[in-house]
Amino acid sequence: MQSLFVPTGLVALAEIGDKTQLLALLLAARFRKPWPIIWGILAATIANHFAAGALGKWVASFFSEATLSWVLAASFLAVAAWMLVPDQIDEEDEASHFKRYGPFLTTLIAFFLAEMGDKTQIATVMLAAQYEYFWLVVAGTTLGMMIANVPVVLAAHFSADKLPMTLIHRVSALCFLALAGYAAWHAAKLSGLVG
């Protein structure tokens, strides 16, 4: 169940204040139709995270368990540092170009593109490489995205400025730092550096 719960918690926390959450707020304010936006977020996230998870599993097949653990430790450390740099989105984002397609298709396209190379997509690649159950990782990261974004869509008047963003980003960074430490300890153990 770790394959489900850890990705869910990490992505839900990492997504707060992320550009895709800001995109959800923007789409909700523009369209005022929450359910097509929510379904668009879900479809885009499943497609994006499935591809990211598949990439993570594929990459993991090339490394020994010890080497993969060292790579994961470095990657989690990099994401921890990245979490301290908050995302921003401007009014002329991906959604502006697709608005004529309606709320569902606009959300689907904009979210899929916004997630490319995003923190949560990179985290999905790393988590799929780390955990045995690919489907649970994808389900967990998708659930984490929905936990973070659905309330924003349903309460479009809610302002992200009211959240303690710096604190949230620091807690997220600490979670990824803990994962980096665990992966490094596991790698050191597999390499015979610790008993």
Protein backbone atom coordinates (compact mmCIF):
# COMPACT_ATOMS: atom_id res chain seq x y z
CA MET A 1 0.00 0.00 0.00
CA GLN A 2 3.07 2.24 0.25
CA SER A 3 3.03 2.32 -3.56
CA LEU A 4 -0.33 4.11 -3.34
CA PHE A 5 -0.17 6.20 -0.17
CA VAL A 6 3.33 7.70 -0.49
CA PRO A 7 2.75 8.95 -4.08
CA THR A 8 -0.69 10.30 -3.12
CA GLY A 9 0.65 12.30 -0.19
CA LEU A 10 3.77 13.54 -1.94
CA VAL A 11 1.98 14.71 -5.09
CA ALA A 12 -0.92 16.30 -3.17
CA LEU A 13 1.57 18.28 -1.09
CA ALA A 14 3.87 19.09 -4.02
CA GLU A 15 0.94 20.28 -6.12
CA ILE A 16 -0.08 23.04 -3.70
CA GLY A 17 0.97 26.30 -5.31
CA ASP A 18 2.21 24.47 -8.43
CA LYS A 19 1.52 25.97 -11.86
CA THR A 20 -1.12 23.33 -12.62
CA GLN A 21 -3.03 24.25 -9.47
CA LEU A 22 -2.88 27.88 -10.54
CA LEU A 23 -4.05 26.75 -13.98
CA ALA A 24 -7.02 24.98 -12.35
CA LEU A 25 -7.92 28.23 -10.58
CA LEU A 26 -7.64 30.17 -13.83
CA LEU A 27 -9.80 27.67 -15.77
CA ALA A 28 -12.43 27.62 -13.03
CA ALA A 29 -12.61 31.41 -13.04
CA ARG A 30 -12.89 31.59 -16.83
CA PHE A 31 -15.39 28.81 -17.51
CA ARG A 32 -17.41 28.64 -14.27
CA LYS A 33 -18.19 24.98 -15.07
CA PRO A 34 -16.40 22.86 -12.46
CA TRP A 35 -17.28 19.31 -13.55
CA PRO A 36 -15.95 19.44 -17.13
CA ILE A 37 -12.76 21.00 -15.71
CA ILE A 38 -12.43 18.28 -13.06
CA TRP A 39 -12.93 15.53 -15.68
CA GLY A 40 -10.37 17.24 -17.92
CA ILE A 41 -7.83 17.35 -15.06
CA LEU A 42 -8.45 13.66 -14.33
CA ALA A 43 -8.07 12.56 -17.97
CA ALA A 44 -4.94 14.66 -18.53
CA THR A 45 -3.35 13.48 -15.29
CA ILE A 46 -4.01 9.80 -15.99
CA ALA A 47 -2.49 10.09 -19.48
CA ASN A 48 0.50 12.11 -18.31
CA HIS A 49 1.26 10.10 -15.19
CA PHE A 50 0.76 6.77 -16.98
CA ALA A 51 3.44 7.81 -19.49
CA ALA A 52 5.70 9.09 -16.68
CA GLY A 53 5.22 5.91 -14.65
CA ALA A 54 5.96 3.73 -17.69
CA LEU A 55 9.14 5.74 -18.28
CA GLY A 56 10.14 5.26 -14.64
CA LYS A 57 9.66 1.49 -14.84
CA TRP A 58 11.56 1.32 -18.14
CA VAL A 59 14.50 3.36 -16.82
CA ALA A 60 14.62 1.26 -13.64
CA SER A 61 15.13 -1.88 -15.73
CA PHE A 62 18.57 -0.62 -16.86
CA PHE A 63 20.10 -0.20 -13.42
CA SER A 64 21.04 -2.48 -10.57
CA GLU A 65 19.03 -1.90 -7.41
CA ALA A 66 21.97 -0.14 -5.72
CA THR A 67 22.65 2.16 -8.70
CA LEU A 68 18.95 2.95 -9.04
CA SER A 69 18.80 3.84 -5.34
CA TRP A 70 21.74 6.28 -5.75
CA VAL A 71 20.06 7.84 -8.81
CA LEU A 72 16.78 8.13 -6.91
CA ALA A 73 18.53 9.71 -3.92
CA ALA A 74 20.07 12.37 -6.17
CA SER A 75 16.77 12.90 -8.01
CA PHE A 76 14.74 13.27 -4.80
CA LEU A 77 17.35 15.71 -3.52
CA ALA A 78 17.03 17.76 -6.72
CA VAL A 79 13.21 17.80 -6.46
CA ALA A 80 13.50 18.86 -2.79
CA ALA A 81 15.53 21.87 -3.91
CA TRP A 82 13.12 22.51 -6.80
CA MET A 83 10.17 22.56 -4.37
CA LEU A 84 11.61 25.70 -2.80
CA VAL A 85 11.12 27.59 -6.09
CA PRO A 86 7.38 28.34 -6.40
CA ASP A 87 5.73 28.18 -9.80
CA GLN A 88 3.87 31.06 -11.41
CA ILE A 89 1.48 31.19 -14.33
CA ASP A 90 0.65 34.26 -16.37
CA GLU A 91 -2.63 35.18 -18.04
CA GLU A 92 -1.32 34.19 -21.47
CA ASP A 93 -0.74 30.55 -20.61
CA GLU A 94 -1.68 27.37 -22.49
CA ALA A 95 -5.35 27.72 -21.52
CA SER A 96 -5.70 31.03 -23.37
CA HIS A 97 -4.84 29.39 -26.67
CA PHE A 98 -7.36 26.54 -26.30
CA LYS A 99 -10.35 28.35 -24.72
CA ARG A 100 -12.45 28.01 -27.87
CA TYR A 101 -12.59 24.21 -27.35
CA GLY A 102 -14.75 24.41 -24.22
CA PRO A 103 -13.93 23.61 -20.60
CA PHE A 104 -13.24 19.84 -20.87
CA LEU A 105 -11.00 19.85 -23.94
CA THR A 106 -9.27 23.08 -22.92
CA THR A 107 -8.49 21.60 -19.50
CA LEU A 108 -7.37 18.28 -20.97
CA ILE A 109 -4.93 19.91 -23.40
CA ALA A 110 -3.70 22.66 -21.05
CA PHE A 111 -3.16 20.31 -18.10
CA PHE A 112 -1.42 17.67 -20.18
CA LEU A 113 0.98 20.28 -21.59
CA ALA A 114 1.49 22.03 -18.23
CA GLU A 115 2.44 18.73 -16.58
CA MET A 116 5.21 18.01 -19.11
CA GLY A 117 8.47 18.26 -17.17
CA ASP A 118 6.64 19.48 -14.07
CA LYS A 119 7.64 18.51 -10.52
CA THR A 120 4.78 16.07 -10.16
CA GLN A 121 5.59 14.36 -13.47
CA ILE A 122 9.24 14.00 -12.49
CA ALA A 123 8.15 12.70 -9.08
CA THR A 124 5.92 10.13 -10.83
CA VAL A 125 8.87 8.89 -12.91
CA MET A 126 11.01 8.53 -9.77
CA LEU A 127 8.29 6.91 -7.67
CA ALA A 128 7.46 4.39 -10.41
CA ALA A 129 11.16 3.52 -10.58
CA GLN A 130 11.27 3.07 -6.80
CA TYR A 131 8.07 1.12 -6.14
CA GLU A 132 7.18 -2.31 -7.47
CA TYR A 133 3.51 -1.66 -8.26
CA PHE A 134 3.38 0.68 -11.26
CA TRP A 135 -0.43 0.93 -11.32
CA LEU A 136 -0.62 1.89 -7.67
CA VAL A 137 1.97 4.64 -8.18
CA VAL A 138 0.02 6.08 -11.13
CA ALA A 139 -3.24 5.81 -9.16
CA GLY A 140 -1.57 7.48 -6.17
CA THR A 141 -0.04 10.37 -8.10
CA THR A 142 -3.33 10.89 -9.95
CA LEU A 143 -5.25 10.86 -6.67
CA GLY A 144 -2.76 13.36 -5.22
CA MET A 145 -3.35 15.69 -8.18
CA MET A 146 -7.10 15.44 -7.71
CA ILE A 147 -6.88 16.05 -3.95
CA ALA A 148 -4.94 19.26 -4.61
CA ASN A 149 -6.88 20.54 -7.63
CA VAL A 150 -10.55 19.60 -7.16
CA PRO A 151 -11.09 21.87 -4.13
CA VAL A 152 -9.56 24.77 -6.08
CA VAL A 153 -11.94 24.19 -9.00
CA LEU A 154 -14.99 23.79 -6.74
CA ALA A 155 -14.16 26.94 -4.80
CA ALA A 156 -12.94 29.16 -7.64
CA HIS A 157 -13.29 32.23 -5.44
CA PHE A 158 -10.71 30.74 -3.04
CA SER A 159 -7.44 32.59 -3.29
CA ALA A 160 -4.13 30.73 -3.27
CA ASP A 161 -2.69 33.83 -1.60
CA LYS A 162 -4.40 32.84 1.65
CA LEU A 163 -2.31 29.67 1.98
CA PRO A 164 1.09 29.74 3.72
CA MET A 165 2.84 28.87 0.44
CA THR A 166 6.38 29.17 1.76
CA LEU A 167 5.62 26.77 4.60
CA ILE A 168 3.88 24.33 2.23
CA HIS A 169 6.83 24.36 -0.16
CA ARG A 170 9.27 23.83 2.72
CA VAL A 171 7.27 20.86 4.06
CA SER A 172 7.16 19.39 0.54
CA ALA A 173 10.91 19.87 0.20
CA LEU A 174 11.43 18.12 3.57
CA CYS A 175 9.32 15.15 2.38
CA PHE A 176 11.43 14.80 -0.76
CA LEU A 177 14.59 15.26 1.33
CA ALA A 178 13.45 12.40 3.58
CA LEU A 179 12.90 10.22 0.50
CA ALA A 180 16.38 11.16 -0.72
CA GLY A 181 17.84 10.18 2.65
CA TYR A 182 16.01 6.86 2.63
CA ALA A 183 17.10 6.11 -0.94
CA ALA A 184 20.73 7.00 -0.09
CA TRP A 185 20.64 4.78 3.03
CA HIS A 186 19.15 1.93 0.96
CA ALA A 187 21.81 2.44 -1.74
CA ALA A 188 24.60 2.48 0.85
CA LYS A 189 23.24 -0.70 2.40
CA LEU A 190 23.05 -2.46 -0.99
CA SER A 191 26.56 -1.26 -1.82
CA GLY A 192 27.89 -2.64 1.46
CA LEU A 193 28.82 0.80 2.81
CA VAL A 194 26.63 0.39 5.90
CA GLY A 195 25.66 -2.70 7.89
